[in-house]
N, C-alpha and C. Protein backbone atom coordinates (compact mmCIF):
# COMPACT_ATOMS: atom_id res chain seq x y z
N MET A 1 33.83 57.77 51.46
CA MET A 1 32.43 57.51 51.70
C MET A 1 32.31 56.42 52.77
N LYS A 2 31.37 56.62 53.66
CA LYS A 2 31.14 55.61 54.69
C LYS A 2 29.79 54.95 54.46
N PHE A 3 29.73 53.66 54.77
CA PHE A 3 28.54 52.87 54.54
C PHE A 3 28.24 52.01 55.75
N LEU A 4 26.96 51.72 55.93
CA LEU A 4 26.51 50.80 56.95
C LEU A 4 25.94 49.58 56.25
N LEU A 5 26.51 48.42 56.56
CA LEU A 5 25.96 47.16 56.06
C LEU A 5 25.08 46.59 57.15
N LEU A 6 23.81 46.40 56.86
CA LEU A 6 22.87 45.83 57.81
C LEU A 6 22.66 44.37 57.43
N ILE A 7 22.98 43.48 58.34
CA ILE A 7 22.93 42.05 58.07
C ILE A 7 21.67 41.48 58.72
N HIS A 8 20.79 40.97 57.90
CA HIS A 8 19.50 40.45 58.38
C HIS A 8 19.56 38.92 58.49
N ASN A 9 18.72 38.38 59.36
CA ASN A 9 18.64 36.94 59.51
C ASN A 9 17.20 36.55 59.78
N ASN A 10 16.97 35.26 59.88
CA ASN A 10 15.63 34.74 60.08
C ASN A 10 15.70 33.68 61.17
N LEU A 11 15.07 33.96 62.30
CA LEU A 11 15.12 33.08 63.46
C LEU A 11 14.55 31.71 63.16
N GLU A 12 13.47 31.65 62.41
CA GLU A 12 12.86 30.36 62.06
C GLU A 12 13.82 29.48 61.26
N ALA A 13 14.56 30.10 60.35
CA ALA A 13 15.48 29.35 59.50
C ALA A 13 16.67 28.79 60.30
N LEU A 14 16.96 29.40 61.45
CA LEU A 14 18.11 28.97 62.25
C LEU A 14 17.76 27.91 63.29
N LYS A 15 16.47 27.70 63.53
CA LYS A 15 16.06 26.72 64.55
C LYS A 15 16.63 25.34 64.21
N GLY A 16 17.15 24.69 65.22
CA GLY A 16 17.65 23.32 65.06
C GLY A 16 19.10 23.24 64.61
N LEU A 17 19.73 24.37 64.29
CA LEU A 17 21.14 24.33 63.89
C LEU A 17 22.03 24.38 65.12
N SER A 18 23.10 23.61 65.10
CA SER A 18 24.06 23.63 66.21
C SER A 18 24.93 24.89 66.12
N GLU A 19 25.66 25.17 67.19
CA GLU A 19 26.57 26.33 67.20
C GLU A 19 27.61 26.20 66.08
N HIS A 20 28.11 24.99 65.87
CA HIS A 20 29.09 24.74 64.80
C HIS A 20 28.46 25.00 63.43
N GLU A 21 27.23 24.54 63.23
CA GLU A 21 26.55 24.76 61.95
C GLU A 21 26.29 26.25 61.71
N LEU A 22 25.94 26.97 62.77
CA LEU A 22 25.73 28.41 62.63
C LEU A 22 27.02 29.12 62.26
N THR A 23 28.13 28.70 62.88
CA THR A 23 29.43 29.29 62.57
C THR A 23 29.81 29.03 61.12
N GLU A 24 29.60 27.81 60.66
CA GLU A 24 29.92 27.47 59.27
C GLU A 24 29.02 28.22 58.30
N LEU A 25 27.77 28.39 58.64
CA LEU A 25 26.84 29.14 57.81
C LEU A 25 27.31 30.60 57.66
N ALA A 26 27.92 31.11 58.72
CA ALA A 26 28.44 32.48 58.68
C ALA A 26 29.77 32.57 57.97
N GLY A 27 30.30 31.46 57.46
CA GLY A 27 31.54 31.49 56.70
C GLY A 27 32.71 30.83 57.39
N GLY A 28 32.52 30.41 58.62
CA GLY A 28 33.62 29.79 59.38
C GLY A 28 34.52 30.85 59.99
N ARG A 29 35.01 30.58 61.17
CA ARG A 29 35.83 31.57 61.90
C ARG A 29 37.08 31.99 61.13
N GLU A 30 37.77 31.04 60.52
CA GLU A 30 39.02 31.36 59.83
C GLU A 30 38.79 32.29 58.65
N GLN A 31 37.77 32.00 57.84
CA GLN A 31 37.49 32.84 56.67
C GLN A 31 37.03 34.22 57.08
N VAL A 32 36.16 34.29 58.06
CA VAL A 32 35.67 35.58 58.54
C VAL A 32 36.83 36.40 59.10
N ALA A 33 37.70 35.77 59.88
CA ALA A 33 38.85 36.47 60.46
C ALA A 33 39.80 36.94 59.37
N ALA A 34 40.06 36.13 58.37
CA ALA A 34 40.97 36.52 57.29
C ALA A 34 40.41 37.71 56.52
N THR A 35 39.12 37.68 56.22
CA THR A 35 38.50 38.79 55.50
C THR A 35 38.55 40.06 56.35
N ALA A 36 38.23 39.95 57.63
CA ALA A 36 38.25 41.11 58.53
C ALA A 36 39.65 41.69 58.63
N ARG A 37 40.67 40.83 58.76
CA ARG A 37 42.06 41.33 58.84
C ARG A 37 42.43 42.10 57.58
N GLU A 38 42.06 41.58 56.42
CA GLU A 38 42.38 42.25 55.16
C GLU A 38 41.69 43.61 55.06
N LEU A 39 40.42 43.67 55.45
CA LEU A 39 39.69 44.93 55.39
C LEU A 39 40.19 45.93 56.43
N LEU A 40 40.68 45.44 57.56
CA LEU A 40 41.29 46.34 58.54
C LEU A 40 42.60 46.92 58.00
N LYS A 41 43.39 46.09 57.32
CA LYS A 41 44.65 46.56 56.72
C LYS A 41 44.41 47.67 55.70
N THR A 42 43.36 47.52 54.89
CA THR A 42 43.07 48.52 53.86
C THR A 42 42.37 49.74 54.44
N GLY A 43 41.94 49.66 55.70
CA GLY A 43 41.23 50.77 56.33
C GLY A 43 39.76 50.83 55.96
N GLU A 44 39.27 49.81 55.28
CA GLU A 44 37.87 49.82 54.84
C GLU A 44 36.90 49.35 55.92
N LEU A 45 37.37 48.54 56.86
CA LEU A 45 36.51 48.07 57.95
C LEU A 45 36.68 49.01 59.14
N VAL A 46 35.61 49.69 59.50
CA VAL A 46 35.64 50.63 60.60
C VAL A 46 35.14 49.99 61.89
N SER A 47 34.04 49.21 61.78
CA SER A 47 33.43 48.65 62.97
C SER A 47 32.57 47.45 62.59
N VAL A 48 32.43 46.52 63.54
CA VAL A 48 31.58 45.35 63.36
C VAL A 48 30.69 45.24 64.60
N LEU A 49 29.41 44.97 64.38
CA LEU A 49 28.46 44.80 65.48
C LEU A 49 27.70 43.50 65.30
N GLY A 50 27.61 42.73 66.36
CA GLY A 50 26.76 41.54 66.39
C GLY A 50 25.68 41.79 67.42
N LEU A 51 24.43 41.66 67.04
CA LEU A 51 23.32 41.98 67.93
C LEU A 51 22.70 40.72 68.51
N ASN A 52 22.15 40.84 69.72
CA ASN A 52 21.42 39.73 70.31
C ASN A 52 20.18 39.43 69.48
N GLU A 53 19.71 38.20 69.62
CA GLU A 53 18.50 37.80 68.91
C GLU A 53 17.30 38.58 69.45
N PRO A 54 16.24 38.66 68.66
CA PRO A 54 15.03 39.34 69.14
C PRO A 54 14.54 38.72 70.45
N GLY A 55 13.90 39.55 71.23
CA GLY A 55 13.37 39.10 72.52
C GLY A 55 14.14 39.68 73.69
N GLN A 56 15.30 40.26 73.41
CA GLN A 56 16.10 40.86 74.47
C GLN A 56 16.19 42.37 74.34
N GLU A 57 15.47 42.94 73.37
CA GLU A 57 15.54 44.37 73.13
C GLU A 57 14.61 45.14 74.07
N ARG A 58 14.83 46.41 74.16
CA ARG A 58 13.99 47.32 74.94
C ARG A 58 13.72 48.54 74.06
N ASP A 59 12.61 49.20 74.30
CA ASP A 59 12.39 50.49 73.65
C ASP A 59 11.96 51.50 74.69
N ILE A 60 12.17 52.75 74.35
CA ILE A 60 11.79 53.84 75.24
C ILE A 60 11.08 54.89 74.40
N GLN A 61 10.02 55.43 74.97
CA GLN A 61 9.28 56.50 74.31
C GLN A 61 8.82 57.47 75.38
N LEU A 62 8.91 58.74 75.08
CA LEU A 62 8.39 59.74 76.01
C LEU A 62 6.90 59.89 75.78
N VAL A 63 6.13 59.68 76.83
CA VAL A 63 4.68 59.84 76.78
C VAL A 63 4.33 60.94 77.77
N ALA A 64 3.88 62.06 77.24
CA ALA A 64 3.58 63.24 78.06
C ALA A 64 4.78 63.61 78.92
N GLY A 65 5.97 63.49 78.35
CA GLY A 65 7.19 63.88 79.04
C GLY A 65 7.76 62.83 79.98
N THR A 66 7.08 61.70 80.12
CA THR A 66 7.53 60.64 81.02
C THR A 66 8.10 59.48 80.19
N PRO A 67 9.33 59.03 80.52
CA PRO A 67 9.88 57.89 79.78
C PRO A 67 9.11 56.60 80.08
N VAL A 68 8.67 55.92 79.03
CA VAL A 68 8.00 54.63 79.16
C VAL A 68 8.89 53.61 78.48
N ILE A 69 9.35 52.64 79.28
CA ILE A 69 10.26 51.62 78.78
C ILE A 69 9.50 50.32 78.63
N SER A 70 9.71 49.64 77.50
CA SER A 70 8.99 48.41 77.23
C SER A 70 9.95 47.33 76.77
N ASP A 71 9.66 46.10 77.16
CA ASP A 71 10.43 44.96 76.65
C ASP A 71 9.50 43.97 75.95
N ARG A 72 8.37 44.47 75.49
CA ARG A 72 7.39 43.63 74.80
C ARG A 72 7.90 43.25 73.42
N PRO A 73 7.32 42.25 72.80
CA PRO A 73 7.67 41.96 71.40
C PRO A 73 7.30 43.16 70.53
N PHE A 74 8.14 43.46 69.56
CA PHE A 74 7.94 44.67 68.76
C PHE A 74 7.26 44.41 67.44
N LEU A 75 7.86 43.64 66.59
CA LEU A 75 7.33 43.43 65.26
C LEU A 75 6.94 41.98 65.07
N GLU A 76 5.89 41.77 64.35
CA GLU A 76 5.50 40.41 63.99
C GLU A 76 6.21 40.07 62.68
N THR A 77 7.44 39.68 62.80
CA THR A 77 8.24 39.37 61.63
C THR A 77 9.22 38.26 61.96
N LYS A 78 9.56 37.48 60.98
CA LYS A 78 10.55 36.42 61.19
C LYS A 78 11.95 36.93 60.96
N GLU A 79 12.08 37.97 60.14
CA GLU A 79 13.40 38.51 59.85
C GLU A 79 13.76 39.57 60.87
N TYR A 80 15.04 39.63 61.23
CA TYR A 80 15.51 40.59 62.22
C TYR A 80 16.91 41.06 61.87
N LEU A 81 17.30 42.18 62.45
CA LEU A 81 18.64 42.72 62.26
C LEU A 81 19.60 41.96 63.16
N ALA A 82 20.53 41.23 62.56
CA ALA A 82 21.46 40.38 63.31
C ALA A 82 22.77 41.08 63.61
N GLY A 83 23.17 42.01 62.76
CA GLY A 83 24.43 42.69 62.97
C GLY A 83 24.64 43.77 61.93
N ALA A 84 25.78 44.44 62.06
CA ALA A 84 26.09 45.53 61.14
C ALA A 84 27.59 45.71 61.04
N MET A 85 28.01 46.33 59.97
CA MET A 85 29.41 46.70 59.76
C MET A 85 29.44 48.14 59.26
N VAL A 86 30.41 48.89 59.70
CA VAL A 86 30.64 50.23 59.17
C VAL A 86 31.87 50.13 58.28
N LEU A 87 31.71 50.59 57.04
CA LEU A 87 32.78 50.55 56.06
C LEU A 87 33.17 51.96 55.65
N HIS A 88 34.44 52.12 55.28
CA HIS A 88 34.92 53.38 54.72
C HIS A 88 35.56 53.02 53.38
N CYS A 89 34.85 53.29 52.30
CA CYS A 89 35.26 52.85 50.96
C CYS A 89 35.32 54.03 50.00
N ALA A 90 36.07 53.84 48.95
CA ALA A 90 36.21 54.88 47.94
C ALA A 90 34.95 55.04 47.09
N SER A 91 34.14 54.00 47.02
CA SER A 91 32.96 54.06 46.16
C SER A 91 31.89 53.10 46.65
N VAL A 92 30.69 53.31 46.18
CA VAL A 92 29.59 52.40 46.49
C VAL A 92 29.85 51.03 45.88
N GLU A 93 30.50 51.02 44.72
CA GLU A 93 30.82 49.74 44.08
C GLU A 93 31.73 48.89 44.96
N ARG A 94 32.73 49.53 45.59
CA ARG A 94 33.63 48.79 46.48
C ARG A 94 32.87 48.30 47.71
N ALA A 95 31.98 49.11 48.25
CA ALA A 95 31.19 48.69 49.41
C ALA A 95 30.32 47.49 49.05
N LEU A 96 29.77 47.48 47.84
CA LEU A 96 28.97 46.34 47.39
C LEU A 96 29.83 45.09 47.23
N GLU A 97 31.06 45.25 46.77
CA GLU A 97 31.99 44.11 46.68
C GLU A 97 32.22 43.50 48.05
N ILE A 98 32.42 44.36 49.05
CA ILE A 98 32.64 43.88 50.41
C ILE A 98 31.38 43.21 50.95
N ALA A 99 30.23 43.79 50.68
CA ALA A 99 28.96 43.20 51.13
C ALA A 99 28.81 41.79 50.57
N ALA A 100 29.24 41.59 49.34
CA ALA A 100 29.14 40.27 48.71
C ALA A 100 30.08 39.26 49.35
N LEU A 101 31.10 39.72 50.10
CA LEU A 101 32.01 38.82 50.79
C LEU A 101 31.40 38.21 52.05
N ILE A 102 30.33 38.81 52.54
CA ILE A 102 29.69 38.29 53.75
C ILE A 102 29.00 36.98 53.40
N PRO A 103 29.43 35.88 54.01
CA PRO A 103 28.87 34.57 53.65
C PRO A 103 27.35 34.49 53.77
N LEU A 104 26.77 35.14 54.74
CA LEU A 104 25.32 35.08 54.90
C LEU A 104 24.58 35.73 53.74
N ALA A 105 25.28 36.54 52.94
CA ALA A 105 24.63 37.17 51.79
C ALA A 105 24.16 36.12 50.78
N GLN A 106 24.69 34.90 50.87
CA GLN A 106 24.22 33.82 50.01
C GLN A 106 22.80 33.38 50.36
N PHE A 107 22.41 33.61 51.62
CA PHE A 107 21.13 33.11 52.11
C PHE A 107 20.20 34.20 52.62
N ARG A 108 20.77 35.29 53.09
CA ARG A 108 19.99 36.34 53.74
C ARG A 108 20.29 37.69 53.13
N ARG A 109 19.43 38.63 53.41
CA ARG A 109 19.56 39.98 52.88
C ARG A 109 20.64 40.76 53.62
N VAL A 110 21.48 41.45 52.87
CA VAL A 110 22.46 42.38 53.41
C VAL A 110 22.14 43.73 52.78
N GLU A 111 21.83 44.69 53.60
CA GLU A 111 21.42 46.01 53.12
C GLU A 111 22.59 46.98 53.22
N LEU A 112 22.84 47.73 52.17
CA LEU A 112 23.92 48.72 52.15
C LEU A 112 23.29 50.11 52.16
N ARG A 113 23.70 50.92 53.13
CA ARG A 113 23.21 52.29 53.21
C ARG A 113 24.37 53.23 53.42
N GLU A 114 24.39 54.32 52.66
CA GLU A 114 25.44 55.32 52.83
C GLU A 114 25.18 56.10 54.11
N ILE A 115 26.23 56.36 54.85
CA ILE A 115 26.14 57.14 56.09
C ILE A 115 26.30 58.61 55.72
N ARG A 116 25.30 59.40 56.01
CA ARG A 116 25.37 60.82 55.67
C ARG A 116 26.00 61.64 56.79
N LEU A 117 25.95 61.14 58.01
CA LEU A 117 26.49 61.84 59.17
C LEU A 117 27.05 60.80 60.13
N ASP A 118 28.34 60.90 60.44
CA ASP A 118 28.91 59.97 61.42
C ASP A 118 29.38 60.76 62.63
N GLN A 119 30.00 60.07 63.56
CA GLN A 119 30.43 60.69 64.81
C GLN A 119 31.34 61.88 64.57
N ASP A 120 32.32 61.73 63.68
CA ASP A 120 33.25 62.82 63.42
C ASP A 120 32.54 64.04 62.84
N ASP A 121 31.65 63.80 61.87
CA ASP A 121 30.89 64.89 61.27
C ASP A 121 30.02 65.59 62.33
N PHE A 122 29.37 64.79 63.15
CA PHE A 122 28.48 65.32 64.17
C PHE A 122 29.25 66.20 65.16
N LEU A 123 30.40 65.70 65.63
CA LEU A 123 31.20 66.48 66.59
C LEU A 123 31.73 67.75 65.96
N THR A 124 32.10 67.69 64.69
CA THR A 124 32.56 68.88 63.98
C THR A 124 31.45 69.92 63.92
N GLU A 125 30.25 69.46 63.58
CA GLU A 125 29.11 70.39 63.52
C GLU A 125 28.81 71.01 64.88
N LEU A 126 28.97 70.26 65.95
CA LEU A 126 28.72 70.78 67.29
C LEU A 126 29.70 71.89 67.64
N THR A 127 30.97 71.68 67.29
CA THR A 127 32.00 72.67 67.65
C THR A 127 31.92 73.92 66.78
N GLU A 128 31.36 73.80 65.57
CA GLU A 128 31.22 74.94 64.67
C GLU A 128 30.03 75.80 65.03
N SER A 129 29.09 75.26 65.76
CA SER A 129 27.86 76.01 66.09
C SER A 129 28.08 76.99 67.20
């Protein structure tokens, strides 16, 4: 089973923290690296993504067949998607155990969603059609 862990953060809560404080809040480089190495060894960690803070995103929408690209503010919210991890686990229970290892889960929401279709599945479906 594959899962996507969505790691949320709050820009207001991070204001005034130094780079070192932010790193420690995330669990510290050594702890994060040790956990990642262990999950890579077991094959449970597939991918890690760190996203830029809000304000640097773009969206695109087709309007009457013409692409319209915008860099305006999107949502009036303090919480934002900060990053994600793709996991390959034997069970949802194991994925939840891994989610609990994320240090930010002590302070921020970590969302676990099962992946119903991934790149391999998609490519397989394309070749079978």
